[in-house]
PDB file of N, CA and C in Angstrom:
ATOM      1  N   ASP A   1     -10.000   5.299  -3.327  1.00  0.00           N
ATOM      2  CA  ASP A   1     -10.260   4.357  -4.395  1.00  0.00           C
ATOM      3  C   ASP A   1      -8.985   4.035  -5.176  1.00  0.00           C
ATOM      4  N   GLY A   2      -8.221   5.021  -5.541  1.00  0.00           N
ATOM      5  CA  GLY A   2      -7.007   4.783  -6.306  1.00  0.00           C
ATOM      6  C   GLY A   2      -7.214   4.995  -7.791  1.00  0.00           C
ATOM      7  N   LEU A   3      -6.119   4.937  -8.490  1.00  0.00           N
ATOM      8  CA  LEU A   3      -6.137   5.204  -9.926  1.00  0.00           C
ATOM      9  C   LEU A   3      -6.930   4.162 -10.699  1.00  0.00           C
ATOM     10  N   TRP A   4      -6.934   2.926 -10.249  1.00  0.00           N
ATOM     11  CA  TRP A   4      -7.606   1.845 -10.987  1.00  0.00           C
ATOM     12  C   TRP A   4      -9.107   2.072 -11.080  1.00  0.00           C
ATOM     13  N   THR A   5      -9.692   2.806 -10.142  1.00  0.00           N
ATOM     14  CA  THR A   5     -11.125   3.074 -10.168  1.00  0.00           C
ATOM     15  C   THR A   5     -11.436   4.532 -10.501  1.00  0.00           C
ATOM     16  N   LEU A   6     -10.431   5.326 -10.840  1.00  0.00           N
ATOM     17  CA  LEU A   6     -10.608   6.739 -11.142  1.00  0.00           C
ATOM     18  C   LEU A   6     -11.620   6.936 -12.262  1.00  0.00           C
ATOM     19  N   GLY A   7     -12.675   7.677 -11.980  1.00  0.00           N
ATOM     20  CA  GLY A   7     -13.686   7.971 -12.984  1.00  0.00           C
ATOM     21  C   GLY A   7     -14.703   6.875 -13.196  1.00  0.00           C
ATOM     22  N   CYS A   8     -14.559   5.750 -12.513  1.00  0.00           N
ATOM     23  CA  CYS A   8     -15.496   4.634 -12.668  1.00  0.00           C
ATOM     24  C   CYS A   8     -16.656   4.784 -11.694  1.00  0.00           C
ATOM     25  N   ASP A   9     -17.815   4.292 -12.100  1.00  0.00           N
ATOM     26  CA  ASP A   9     -18.967   4.276 -11.212  1.00  0.00           C
ATOM     27  C   ASP A   9     -18.712   3.288 -10.077  1.00  0.00           C
ATOM     28  N   ALA A  10     -19.445   3.416  -8.985  1.00  0.00           N
ATOM     29  CA  ALA A  10     -19.294   2.526  -7.831  1.00  0.00           C
ATOM     30  C   ALA A  10     -19.444   1.071  -8.261  1.00  0.00           C
ATOM     31  N   GLY A  11     -18.581   0.224  -7.740  1.00  0.00           N
ATOM     32  CA  GLY A  11     -18.650  -1.199  -8.034  1.00  0.00           C
ATOM     33  C   GLY A  11     -17.980  -1.604  -9.333  1.00  0.00           C
ATOM     34  N   CYS A  12     -17.341  -0.685 -10.002  1.00  0.00           N
ATOM     35  CA  CYS A  12     -16.686  -0.968 -11.281  1.00  0.00           C
ATOM     36  C   CYS A  12     -15.226  -0.550 -11.185  1.00  0.00           C
ATOM     37  N   ASP A  13     -14.385  -1.176 -11.980  1.00  0.00           N
ATOM     38  CA  ASP A  13     -13.001  -0.722 -12.061  1.00  0.00           C
ATOM     39  C   ASP A  13     -12.611  -0.616 -13.532  1.00  0.00           C
ATOM     40  N   ALA A  14     -11.454  -0.052 -13.777  1.00  0.00           N
ATOM     41  CA  ALA A  14     -11.027   0.202 -15.150  1.00  0.00           C
ATOM     42  C   ALA A  14     -10.897  -1.087 -15.955  1.00  0.00           C
ATOM     43  N   GLY A  15     -10.529  -2.184 -15.302  1.00  0.00           N
ATOM     44  CA  GLY A  15     -10.416  -3.461 -16.006  1.00  0.00           C
ATOM     45  C   GLY A  15     -11.744  -3.912 -16.580  1.00  0.00           C
ATOM     46  N   GLN A  16     -12.817  -3.658 -15.856  1.00  0.00           N
ATOM     47  CA  GLN A  16     -14.154  -3.999 -16.342  1.00  0.00           C
ATOM     48  C   GLN A  16     -14.631  -2.994 -17.380  1.00  0.00           C
ATOM     49  N   LEU A  17     -14.433  -1.722 -17.078  1.00  0.00           N
ATOM     50  CA  LEU A  17     -14.928  -0.657 -17.949  1.00  0.00           C
ATOM     51  C   LEU A  17     -14.250  -0.675 -19.311  1.00  0.00           C
ATOM     52  N   PHE A  18     -12.947  -1.000 -19.328  1.00  0.00           N
ATOM     53  CA  PHE A  18     -12.187  -0.994 -20.577  1.00  0.00           C
ATOM     54  C   PHE A  18     -11.748  -2.402 -20.972  1.00  0.00           C
ATOM     55  N   ALA A  19     -12.583  -3.389 -20.708  1.00  0.00           N
ATOM     56  CA  ALA A  19     -12.233  -4.794 -20.976  1.00  0.00           C
ATOM     57  C   ALA A  19     -11.877  -5.027 -22.445  1.00  0.00           C
ATOM     58  N   ASP A  20     -12.465  -4.248 -23.338  1.00  0.00           N
ATOM     59  CA  ASP A  20     -12.202  -4.415 -24.778  1.00  0.00           C
ATOM     60  C   ASP A  20     -11.161  -3.439 -25.289  1.00  0.00           C
ATOM     61  N   GLY A  21     -10.460  -2.752 -24.396  1.00  0.00           N
ATOM     62  CA  GLY A  21      -9.449  -1.783 -24.802  1.00  0.00           C
ATOM     63  C   GLY A  21      -9.912  -0.356 -24.548  1.00  0.00           C
ATOM     64  N   VAL A  22      -8.984   0.560 -24.696  1.00  0.00           N
ATOM     65  CA  VAL A  22      -9.252   1.980 -24.465  1.00  0.00           C
ATOM     66  C   VAL A  22      -9.316   2.693 -25.808  1.00  0.00           C
ATOM     67  N   ASP A  23     -10.441   3.321 -26.084  1.00  0.00           N
ATOM     68  CA  ASP A  23     -10.629   4.079 -27.320  1.00  0.00           C
ATOM     69  C   ASP A  23     -10.413   5.557 -27.015  1.00  0.00           C
ATOM     70  N   LEU A  24      -9.207   6.041 -27.293  1.00  0.00           N
ATOM     71  CA  LEU A  24      -8.878   7.428 -26.971  1.00  0.00           C
ATOM     72  C   LEU A  24      -9.628   8.438 -27.836  1.00  0.00           C
ATOM     73  N   THR A  25     -10.294   7.982 -28.914  1.00  0.00           N
ATOM     74  CA  THR A  25     -11.081   8.917 -29.722  1.00  0.00           C
ATOM     75  C   THR A  25     -12.280   9.444 -28.945  1.00  0.00           C
ATOM     76  N   LEU A  26     -12.640   8.780 -27.848  1.00  0.00           N
ATOM     77  CA  LEU A  26     -13.758   9.255 -27.026  1.00  0.00           C
ATOM     78  C   LEU A  26     -13.486  10.628 -26.433  1.00  0.00           C
ATOM     79  N   ARG A  27     -12.220  11.014 -26.351  1.00  0.00           N
ATOM     80  CA  ARG A  27     -11.895  12.357 -25.856  1.00  0.00           C
ATOM     81  C   ARG A  27     -12.496  13.427 -26.760  1.00  0.00           C
ATOM     82  N   ASP A  28     -12.604  13.127 -28.058  1.00  0.00           N
ATOM     83  CA  ASP A  28     -12.961  14.153 -29.045  1.00  0.00           C
ATOM     84  C   ASP A  28     -14.266  13.887 -29.771  1.00  0.00           C
ATOM     85  N   ARG A  29     -15.023  12.908 -29.311  1.00  0.00           N
ATOM     86  CA  ARG A  29     -16.294  12.628 -29.978  1.00  0.00           C
ATOM     87  C   ARG A  29     -17.361  12.292 -28.952  1.00  0.00           C
ATOM     88  N   GLU A  30     -18.594  12.314 -29.406  1.00  0.00           N
ATOM     89  CA  GLU A  30     -19.709  11.973 -28.527  1.00  0.00           C
ATOM     90  C   GLU A  30     -19.746  10.466 -28.309  1.00  0.00           C
ATOM     91  N   ALA A  31     -20.164  10.063 -27.140  1.00  0.00           N
ATOM     92  CA  ALA A  31     -20.333   8.639 -26.835  1.00  0.00           C
ATOM     93  C   ALA A  31     -21.580   8.125 -27.534  1.00  0.00           C
ATOM     94  N   ALA A  32     -21.488   6.925 -28.096  1.00  0.00           N
ATOM     95  CA  ALA A  32     -22.614   6.339 -28.821  1.00  0.00           C
ATOM     96  C   ALA A  32     -23.468   5.427 -27.933  1.00  0.00           C
ATOM     97  N   THR A  33     -22.913   4.976 -26.816  1.00  0.00           N
ATOM     98  CA  THR A  33     -23.627   4.055 -25.921  1.00  0.00           C
ATOM     99  C   THR A  33     -23.408   4.487 -24.471  1.00  0.00           C
ATOM    100  N   ALA A  34     -24.172   3.887 -23.584  1.00  0.00           N
ATOM    101  CA  ALA A  34     -23.998   4.178 -22.156  1.00  0.00           C
ATOM    102  C   ALA A  34     -22.609   3.747 -21.686  1.00  0.00           C
ATOM    103  N   ARG A  35     -22.108   2.636 -22.206  1.00  0.00           N
ATOM    104  CA  ARG A  35     -20.761   2.169 -21.837  1.00  0.00           C
ATOM    105  C   ARG A  35     -19.712   3.174 -22.306  1.00  0.00           C
ATOM    106  N   GLU A  36     -19.850   3.668 -23.527  1.00  0.00           N
ATOM    107  CA  GLU A  36     -18.918   4.684 -24.020  1.00  0.00           C
ATOM    108  C   GLU A  36     -19.009   5.965 -23.190  1.00  0.00           C
ATOM    109  N   ALA A  37     -20.200   6.313 -22.744  1.00  0.00           N
ATOM    110  CA  ALA A  37     -20.359   7.511 -21.906  1.00  0.00           C
ATOM    111  C   ALA A  37     -19.593   7.336 -20.592  1.00  0.00           C
ATOM    112  N   ALA A  38     -19.665   6.136 -20.011  1.00  0.00           N
ATOM    113  CA  ALA A  38     -18.922   5.857 -18.781  1.00  0.00           C
ATOM    114  C   ALA A  38     -17.416   5.885 -19.060  1.00  0.00           C
ATOM    115  N   GLN A  39     -17.014   5.342 -20.204  1.00  0.00           N
ATOM    116  CA  GLN A  39     -15.596   5.366 -20.579  1.00  0.00           C
ATOM    117  C   GLN A  39     -15.114   6.795 -20.798  1.00  0.00           C
ATOM    118  N   LYS A  40     -15.952   7.623 -21.428  1.00  0.00           N
ATOM    119  CA  LYS A  40     -15.602   9.027 -21.676  1.00  0.00           C
ATOM    120  C   LYS A  40     -15.418   9.765 -20.357  1.00  0.00           C
ATOM    121  N   ARG A  41     -16.303   9.514 -19.372  1.00  0.00           N
ATOM    122  CA  ARG A  41     -16.160  10.140 -18.046  1.00  0.00           C
ATOM    123  C   ARG A  41     -14.861   9.688 -17.379  1.00  0.00           C
ATOM    124  N   ALA A  42     -14.538   8.400 -17.502  1.00  0.00           N
ATOM    125  CA  ALA A  42     -13.309   7.876 -16.901  1.00  0.00           C
ATOM    126  C   ALA A  42     -12.081   8.494 -17.564  1.00  0.00           C
ATOM    127  N   LEU A  43     -12.097   8.623 -18.888  1.00  0.00           N
ATOM    128  CA  LEU A  43     -10.971   9.254 -19.593  1.00  0.00           C
ATOM    129  C   LEU A  43     -10.797  10.707 -19.153  1.00  0.00           C
ATOM    130  N   ALA A  44     -11.915  11.409 -18.988  1.00  0.00           N
ATOM    131  CA  ALA A  44     -11.843  12.803 -18.539  1.00  0.00           C
ATOM    132  C   ALA A  44     -11.252  12.882 -17.128  1.00  0.00           C
ATOM    133  N   ALA A  45     -11.608  11.924 -16.266  1.00  0.00           N
ATOM    134  CA  ALA A  45     -11.066  11.899 -14.906  1.00  0.00           C
ATOM    135  C   ALA A  45      -9.568  11.611 -14.926  1.00  0.00           C
ATOM    136  N   VAL A  46      -9.130  10.703 -15.793  1.00  0.00           N
ATOM    137  CA  VAL A  46      -7.699  10.402 -15.902  1.00  0.00           C
ATOM    138  C   VAL A  46      -6.951  11.615 -16.448  1.00  0.00           C
ATOM    139  N   ASP A  47      -7.506  12.264 -17.465  1.00  0.00           N
ATOM    140  CA  ASP A  47      -6.873  13.464 -18.012  1.00  0.00           C
ATOM    141  C   ASP A  47      -6.750  14.549 -16.944  1.00  0.00           C
ATOM    142  N   GLN A  48      -7.780  14.709 -16.113  1.00  0.00           N
ATOM    143  CA  GLN A  48      -7.737  15.700 -15.037  1.00  0.00           C
ATOM    144  C   GLN A  48      -6.681  15.317 -14.004  1.00  0.00           C
ATOM    145  N   TYR A  49      -6.593  14.029 -13.675  1.00  0.00           N
ATOM    146  CA  TYR A  49      -5.577  13.545 -12.742  1.00  0.00           C
ATOM    147  C   TYR A  49      -4.179  13.893 -13.255  1.00  0.00           C
ATOM    148  N   CYS A  50      -3.960  13.659 -14.545  1.00  0.00           N
ATOM    149  CA  CYS A  50      -2.655  13.971 -15.149  1.00  0.00           C
ATOM    150  C   CYS A  50      -2.362  15.469 -15.078  1.00  0.00           C
ATOM    151  N   SER A  51      -3.351  16.296 -15.384  1.00  0.00           N
ATOM    152  CA  SER A  51      -3.174  17.756 -15.312  1.00  0.00           C
ATOM    153  C   SER A  51      -2.881  18.203 -13.890  1.00  0.00           C
ATOM    154  N   ASP A  52      -3.610  17.630 -12.936  1.00  0.00           N
ATOM    155  CA  ASP A  52      -3.385  17.976 -11.534  1.00  0.00           C
ATOM    156  C   ASP A  52      -1.987  17.562 -11.088  1.00  0.00           C
ATOM    157  N   PHE A  53      -1.536  16.394 -11.534  1.00  0.00           N
ATOM    158  CA  PHE A  53      -0.194  15.910 -11.201  1.00  0.00           C
ATOM    159  C   PHE A  53       0.863  16.865 -11.740  1.00  0.00           C
ATOM    160  N   GLU A  54       0.713  17.285 -12.991  1.00  0.00           N
ATOM    161  CA  GLU A  54       1.654  18.235 -13.587  1.00  0.00           C
ATOM    162  C   GLU A  54       1.680  19.541 -12.794  1.00  0.00           C
ATOM    163  N   ALA A  55       0.513  20.011 -12.372  1.00  0.00           N
ATOM    164  CA  ALA A  55       0.446  21.251 -11.593  1.00  0.00           C
ATOM    165  C   ALA A  55       1.154  21.084 -10.248  1.00  0.00           C
ATOM    166  N   LYS A  56       1.002  19.928  -9.612  1.00  0.00           N
ATOM    167  CA  LYS A  56       1.682  19.681  -8.338  1.00  0.00           C
ATOM    168  C   LYS A  56       3.197  19.671  -8.526  1.00  0.00           C
ATOM    169  N   VAL A  57       3.660  19.033  -9.603  1.00  0.00           N
ATOM    170  CA  VAL A  57       5.102  18.997  -9.880  1.00  0.00           C
ATOM    171  C   VAL A  57       5.628  20.412 -10.091  1.00  0.00           C
ATOM    172  N   ARG A  58       4.923  21.214 -10.914  1.00  0.00           N
ATOM    173  CA  ARG A  58       5.336  22.604 -11.136  1.00  0.00           C
ATOM    174  C   ARG A  58       5.312  23.392  -9.831  1.00  0.00           C
ATOM    175  N   GLY A  59       4.286  23.163  -9.002  1.00  0.00           N
ATOM    176  CA  GLY A  59       4.147  23.866  -7.740  1.00  0.00           C
ATOM    177  C   GLY A  59       5.267  23.557  -6.753  1.00  0.00           C
ATOM    178  N   MET A  60       5.895  22.398  -6.907  1.00  0.00           N
ATOM    179  CA  MET A  60       7.006  22.026  -6.031  1.00  0.00           C
ATOM    180  C   MET A  60       8.357  22.348  -6.660  1.00  0.00           C
ATOM    181  N   GLY A  61       8.331  23.098  -7.768  1.00  0.00           N
ATOM    182  CA  GLY A  61       9.583  23.526  -8.380  1.00  0.00           C
ATOM    183  C   GLY A  61      10.050  22.690  -9.555  1.00  0.00           C
ATOM    184  N   GLY A  62       9.250  21.750 -10.015  1.00  0.00           N
ATOM    185  CA  GLY A  62       9.619  20.937 -11.172  1.00  0.00           C
ATOM    186  C   GLY A  62      10.433  19.720 -10.797  1.00  0.00           C
ATOM    187  N   ILE A  63      10.958  19.082 -11.797  1.00  0.00           N
ATOM    188  CA  ILE A  63      11.772  17.881 -11.606  1.00  0.00           C
ATOM    189  C   ILE A  63      13.215  18.250 -11.890  1.00  0.00           C
ATOM    190  N   GLY A  64      14.067  18.093 -10.889  1.00  0.00           N
ATOM    191  CA  GLY A  64      15.473  18.447 -11.028  1.00  0.00           C
ATOM    192  C   GLY A  64      16.305  17.355 -11.662  1.00  0.00           C
ATOM    193  N   PHE A  65      15.878  16.113 -11.513  1.00  0.00           N
ATOM    194  CA  PHE A  65      16.633  14.990 -12.056  1.00  0.00           C
ATOM    195  C   PHE A  65      15.659  13.881 -12.392  1.00  0.00           C
ATOM    196  N   PHE A  66      15.811  13.273 -13.551  1.00  0.00           N
ATOM    197  CA  PHE A  66      14.952  12.175 -13.963  1.00  0.00           C
ATOM    198  C   PHE A  66      15.811  11.065 -14.529  1.00  0.00           C
ATOM    199  N   LEU A  67      15.607   9.866 -14.044  1.00  0.00           N
ATOM    200  CA  LEU A  67      16.295   8.699 -14.573  1.00  0.00           C
ATOM    201  C   LEU A  67      15.231   7.797 -15.170  1.00  0.00           C
ATOM    202  N   GLY A  68      15.267   7.609 -16.462  1.00  0.00           N
ATOM    203  CA  GLY A  68      14.260   6.795 -17.125  1.00  0.00           C
ATOM    204  C   GLY A  68      14.893   5.752 -18.013  1.00  0.00           C
ATOM    205  N   GLY A  69      14.116   4.763 -18.354  1.00  0.00           N
ATOM    206  CA  GLY A  69      14.601   3.709 -19.228  1.00  0.00           C
ATOM    207  C   GLY A  69      14.436   4.051 -20.691  1.00  0.00           C
ATOM    208  N   ILE A  70      15.228   3.413 -21.523  1.00  0.00           N
ATOM    209  CA  ILE A  70      15.127   3.579 -22.972  1.00  0.00           C
ATOM    210  C   ILE A  70      14.597   2.276 -23.545  1.00  0.00           C
ATOM    211  N   GLY A  71      13.490   2.362 -24.269  1.00  0.00           N
ATOM    212  CA  GLY A  71      12.850   1.174 -24.828  1.00  0.00           C
ATOM    213  C   GLY A  71      13.520   0.668 -26.086  1.00  0.00           C
ATOM    214  N   PRO A  72      13.057  -0.478 -26.572  1.00  0.00           N
ATOM    215  CA  PRO A  72      13.683  -1.109 -27.731  1.00  0.00           C
ATOM    216  C   PRO A  72      13.633  -0.279 -29.006  1.00  0.00           C
ATOM    217  N   ASP A  73      12.664   0.628 -29.100  1.00  0.00           N
ATOM    218  CA  ASP A  73      12.577   1.472 -30.297  1.00  0.00           C
ATOM    219  C   ASP A  73      13.101   2.882 -30.023  1.00  0.00           C
ATOM    220  N   GLY A  74      13.778   3.058 -28.885  1.00  0.00           N
ATOM    221  CA  GLY A  74      14.382   4.346 -28.564  1.00  0.00           C
ATOM    222  C   GLY A  74      13.520   5.276 -27.750  1.00  0.00           C
ATOM    223  N   HIS A  75      12.302   4.849 -27.402  1.00  0.00           N
ATOM    224  CA  HIS A  75      11.455   5.735 -26.602  1.00  0.00           C
ATOM    225  C   HIS A  75      12.009   5.833 -25.181  1.00  0.00           C
ATOM    226  N   VAL A  76      11.688   6.923 -24.526  1.00  0.00           N
ATOM    227  CA  VAL A  76      12.136   7.157 -23.161  1.00  0.00           C
ATOM    228  C   VAL A  76      10.909   7.263 -22.259  1.00  0.00           C
ATOM    229  N   ALA A  77      10.835   6.398 -21.245  1.00  0.00           N
ATOM    230  CA  ALA A  77       9.781   6.454 -20.234  1.00  0.00           C
ATOM    231  C   ALA A  77       8.379   6.533 -20.851  1.00  0.00           C
ATOM    232  N   PHE A  78       8.085   5.697 -21.786  1.00  0.00           N
ATOM    233  CA  PHE A  78       6.788   5.597 -22.454  1.00  0.00           C
ATOM    234  C   PHE A  78       6.469   6.770 -23.370  1.00  0.00           C
ATOM    235  N   ASN A  79       7.411   7.652 -23.611  1.00  0.00           N
ATOM    236  CA  ASN A  79       7.220   8.673 -24.636  1.00  0.00           C
ATOM    237  C   ASN A  79       7.639   8.051 -25.959  1.00  0.00           C
ATOM    238  N   CYS A  80       6.679   7.456 -26.626  1.00  0.00           N
ATOM    239  CA  CYS A  80       6.942   6.729 -27.874  1.00  0.00           C
ATOM    240  C   CYS A  80       7.382   7.678 -28.982  1.00  0.00           C
ATOM    241  N   ALA A  81       7.942   7.102 -30.004  1.00  0.00           N
ATOM    242  CA  ALA A  81       8.376   7.881 -31.164  1.00  0.00           C
ATOM    243  C   ALA A  81       7.240   8.793 -31.621  1.00  0.00           C
ATOM    244  N   GLY A  82       7.571  10.047 -31.868  1.00  0.00           N
ATOM    245  CA  GLY A  82       6.573  11.015 -32.304  1.00  0.00           C
ATOM    246  C   GLY A  82       6.014  11.871 -31.183  1.00  0.00           C
ATOM    247  N   SER A  83       6.328  11.532 -29.916  1.00  0.00           N
ATOM    248  CA  SER A  83       5.868  12.360 -28.790  1.00  0.00           C
ATOM    249  C   SER A  83       6.552  13.719 -28.856  1.00  0.00           C
ATOM    250  N   GLY A  84       5.836  14.733 -28.449  1.00  0.00           N
ATOM    251  CA  GLY A  84       6.396  16.076 -28.451  1.00  0.00           C
ATOM    252  C   GLY A  84       7.502  16.239 -27.426  1.00  0.00           C
ATOM    253  N   ARG A  85       8.407  17.149 -27.708  1.00  0.00           N
ATOM    254  CA  ARG A  85       9.538  17.407 -26.808  1.00  0.00           C
ATOM    255  C   ARG A  85       9.076  17.862 -25.428  1.00  0.00           C
ATOM    256  N   HIS A  86       7.958  18.539 -25.377  1.00  0.00           N
ATOM    257  CA  HIS A  86       7.435  19.051 -24.113  1.00  0.00           C
ATOM    258  C   HIS A  86       6.205  18.260 -23.666  1.00  0.00           C
ATOM    259  N   SER A  87       6.196  16.962 -23.943  1.00  0.00           N
ATOM    260  CA  SER A  87       5.068  16.115 -23.554  1.00  0.00           C
ATOM    261  C   SER A  87       4.858  16.159 -22.049  1.00  0.00           C
ATOM    262  N   VAL A  88       3.600  16.106 -21.654  1.00  0.00           N
ATOM    263  CA  VAL A  88       3.241  16.112 -20.241  1.00  0.00           C
ATOM    264  C   VAL A  88       2.674  14.743 -19.863  1.00  0.00           C
ATOM    265  N   THR A  89       2.400  14.557 -18.593  1.00  0.00           N
ATOM    266  CA  THR A  89       1.782  13.332 -18.126  1.00  0.00           C
ATOM    267  C   THR A  89       0.435  13.176 -18.806  1.00  0.00           C
ATOM    268  N   ARG A  90       0.195  12.011 -19.384  1.00  0.00           N
ATOM    269  CA  ARG A  90      -1.040  11.811 -20.128  1.00  0.00           C
ATOM    270  C   ARG A  90      -1.297  10.332 -20.336  1.00  0.00           C
ATOM    271  N   LEU A  91      -2.514  10.014 -20.714  1.00  0.00           N
ATOM    272  CA  LEU A  91      -2.886   8.669 -21.124  1.00  0.00           C
ATOM    273  C   LEU A  91      -2.698   8.633 -22.632  1.00  0.00           C
ATOM    274  N   THR A  92      -1.909   7.694 -23.122  1.00  0.00           N
ATOM    275  CA  THR A  92      -1.622   7.645 -24.548  1.00  0.00           C
ATOM    276  C   THR A  92      -1.569   6.206 -25.022  1.00  0.00           C
ATOM    277  N   LYS A  93      -1.807   6.003 -26.273  1.00  0.00           N
ATOM    278  CA  LYS A  93      -1.727   4.661 -26.842  1.00  0.00           C
ATOM    279  C   LYS A  93      -0.255   4.348 -27.100  1.00  0.00           C
ATOM    280  N   THR A  94       0.153   3.154 -26.725  1.00  0.00           N
ATOM    281  CA  THR A  94       1.530   2.732 -26.956  1.00  0.00           C
ATOM    282  C   THR A  94       1.569   1.748 -28.118  1.00  0.00           C
ATOM    283  N   ASN A  95       2.727   1.653 -28.758  1.00  0.00           N
ATOM    284  CA  ASN A  95       2.847   0.723 -29.872  1.00  0.00           C
ATOM    285  C   ASN A  95       3.129  -0.692 -29.362  1.00  0.00           C
ATOM    286  N   TYR A  96       3.071  -1.668 -30.255  1.00  0.00           N
ATOM    287  CA  TYR A  96       3.230  -3.067 -29.867  1.00  0.00           C
ATOM    288  C   TYR A  96       4.587  -3.327 -29.218  1.00  0.00           C
ATOM    289  N   ALA A  97       5.649  -2.756 -29.764  1.00  0.00           N
ATOM    290  CA  ALA A  97       6.985  -2.998 -29.202  1.00  0.00           C
ATOM    291  C   ALA A  97       7.073  -2.529 -27.755  1.00  0.00           C
ATOM    292  N   THR A  98       6.473  -1.389 -27.460  1.00  0.00           N
ATOM    293  CA  THR A  98       6.465  -0.874 -26.094  1.00  0.00           C
ATOM    294  C   THR A  98       5.637  -1.769 -25.184  1.00  0.00           C
ATOM    295  N   GLN A  99       4.479  -2.194 -25.672  1.00  0.00           N
ATOM    296  CA  GLN A  99       3.606  -3.064 -24.871  1.00  0.00           C
ATOM    297  C   GLN A  99       4.302  -4.389 -24.577  1.00  0.00           C
ATOM    298  N   ALA A 100       4.930  -4.970 -25.575  1.00  0.00           N
ATOM    299  CA  ALA A 100       5.610  -6.251 -25.391  1.00  0.00           C
ATOM    300  C   ALA A 100       6.774  -6.131 -24.414  1.00  0.00           C
ATOM    301  N   ALA A 101       7.549  -5.060 -24.530  1.00  0.00           N
ATOM    302  CA  ALA A 101       8.697  -4.864 -23.651  1.00  0.00           C
ATOM    303  C   ALA A 101       8.271  -4.641 -22.212  1.00  0.00           C
ATOM    304  N   ALA A 102       7.122  -4.000 -22.003  1.00  0.00           N
ATOM    305  CA  ALA A 102       6.678  -3.667 -20.648  1.00  0.00           C
ATOM    306  C   ALA A 102       5.714  -4.698 -20.061  1.00  0.00           C
ATOM    307  N   ALA A 103       5.322  -5.687 -20.837  1.00  0.00           N
ATOM    308  CA  ALA A 103       4.291  -6.635 -20.399  1.00  0.00           C
ATOM    309  C   ALA A 103       4.632  -7.287 -19.060  1.00  0.00           C
ATOM    310  N   GLY A 104       5.845  -7.735 -18.896  1.00  0.00           N
ATOM    311  CA  GLY A 104       6.238  -8.392 -17.643  1.00  0.00           C
ATOM    312  C   GLY A 104       6.159  -7.454 -16.450  1.00  0.00           C
ATOM    313  N   ASP A 105       6.519  -6.191 -16.650  1.00  0.00           N
ATOM    314  CA  ASP A 105       6.502  -5.214 -15.567  1.00  0.00           C
ATOM    315  C   ASP A 105       5.084  -4.779 -15.220  1.00  0.00           C
ATOM    316  N   LEU A 106       4.164  -4.865 -16.179  1.00  0.00           N
ATOM    317  CA  LEU A 106       2.817  -4.357 -15.988  1.00  0.00           C
ATOM    318  C   LEU A 106       1.783  -5.455 -15.811  1.00  0.00           C
ATOM    319  N   GLY A 107       2.234  -6.659 -15.517  1.00  0.00           N
ATOM    320  CA  GLY A 107       1.324  -7.754 -15.215  1.00  0.00           C
ATOM    321  C   GLY A 107       0.746  -8.463 -16.427  1.00  0.00           C
ATOM    322  N   GLY A 108       1.347  -8.283 -17.604  1.00  0.00           N
ATOM    323  CA  GLY A 108       0.795  -8.901 -18.810  1.00  0.00           C
ATOM    324  C   GLY A 108       1.575 -10.098 -19.269  1.00  0.00           C
TER     325      GLY A 108
END
């Protein structure tokens, strides 16, 4: 299926499920609707994917060299201002400057 359908029910993709945006507060609260429940399951699947990816990287000895871009506000590789020094792979909300700078690369 791929990442675009990760955690989505059959016949649905993330573009449909999150058409109105991604509410990351669903990680820490109960879903109020069936749509939110589906979104919460998808977020949990993405979080698990990120954790599994980190475990695979550690299992292969880590990353010896990383070349990343620096954004207009000084962020590195989507680690926006305020990200922890030991941030791991995760789904996170980005600020407007990051979204605008990456829009062309991400199909927006």
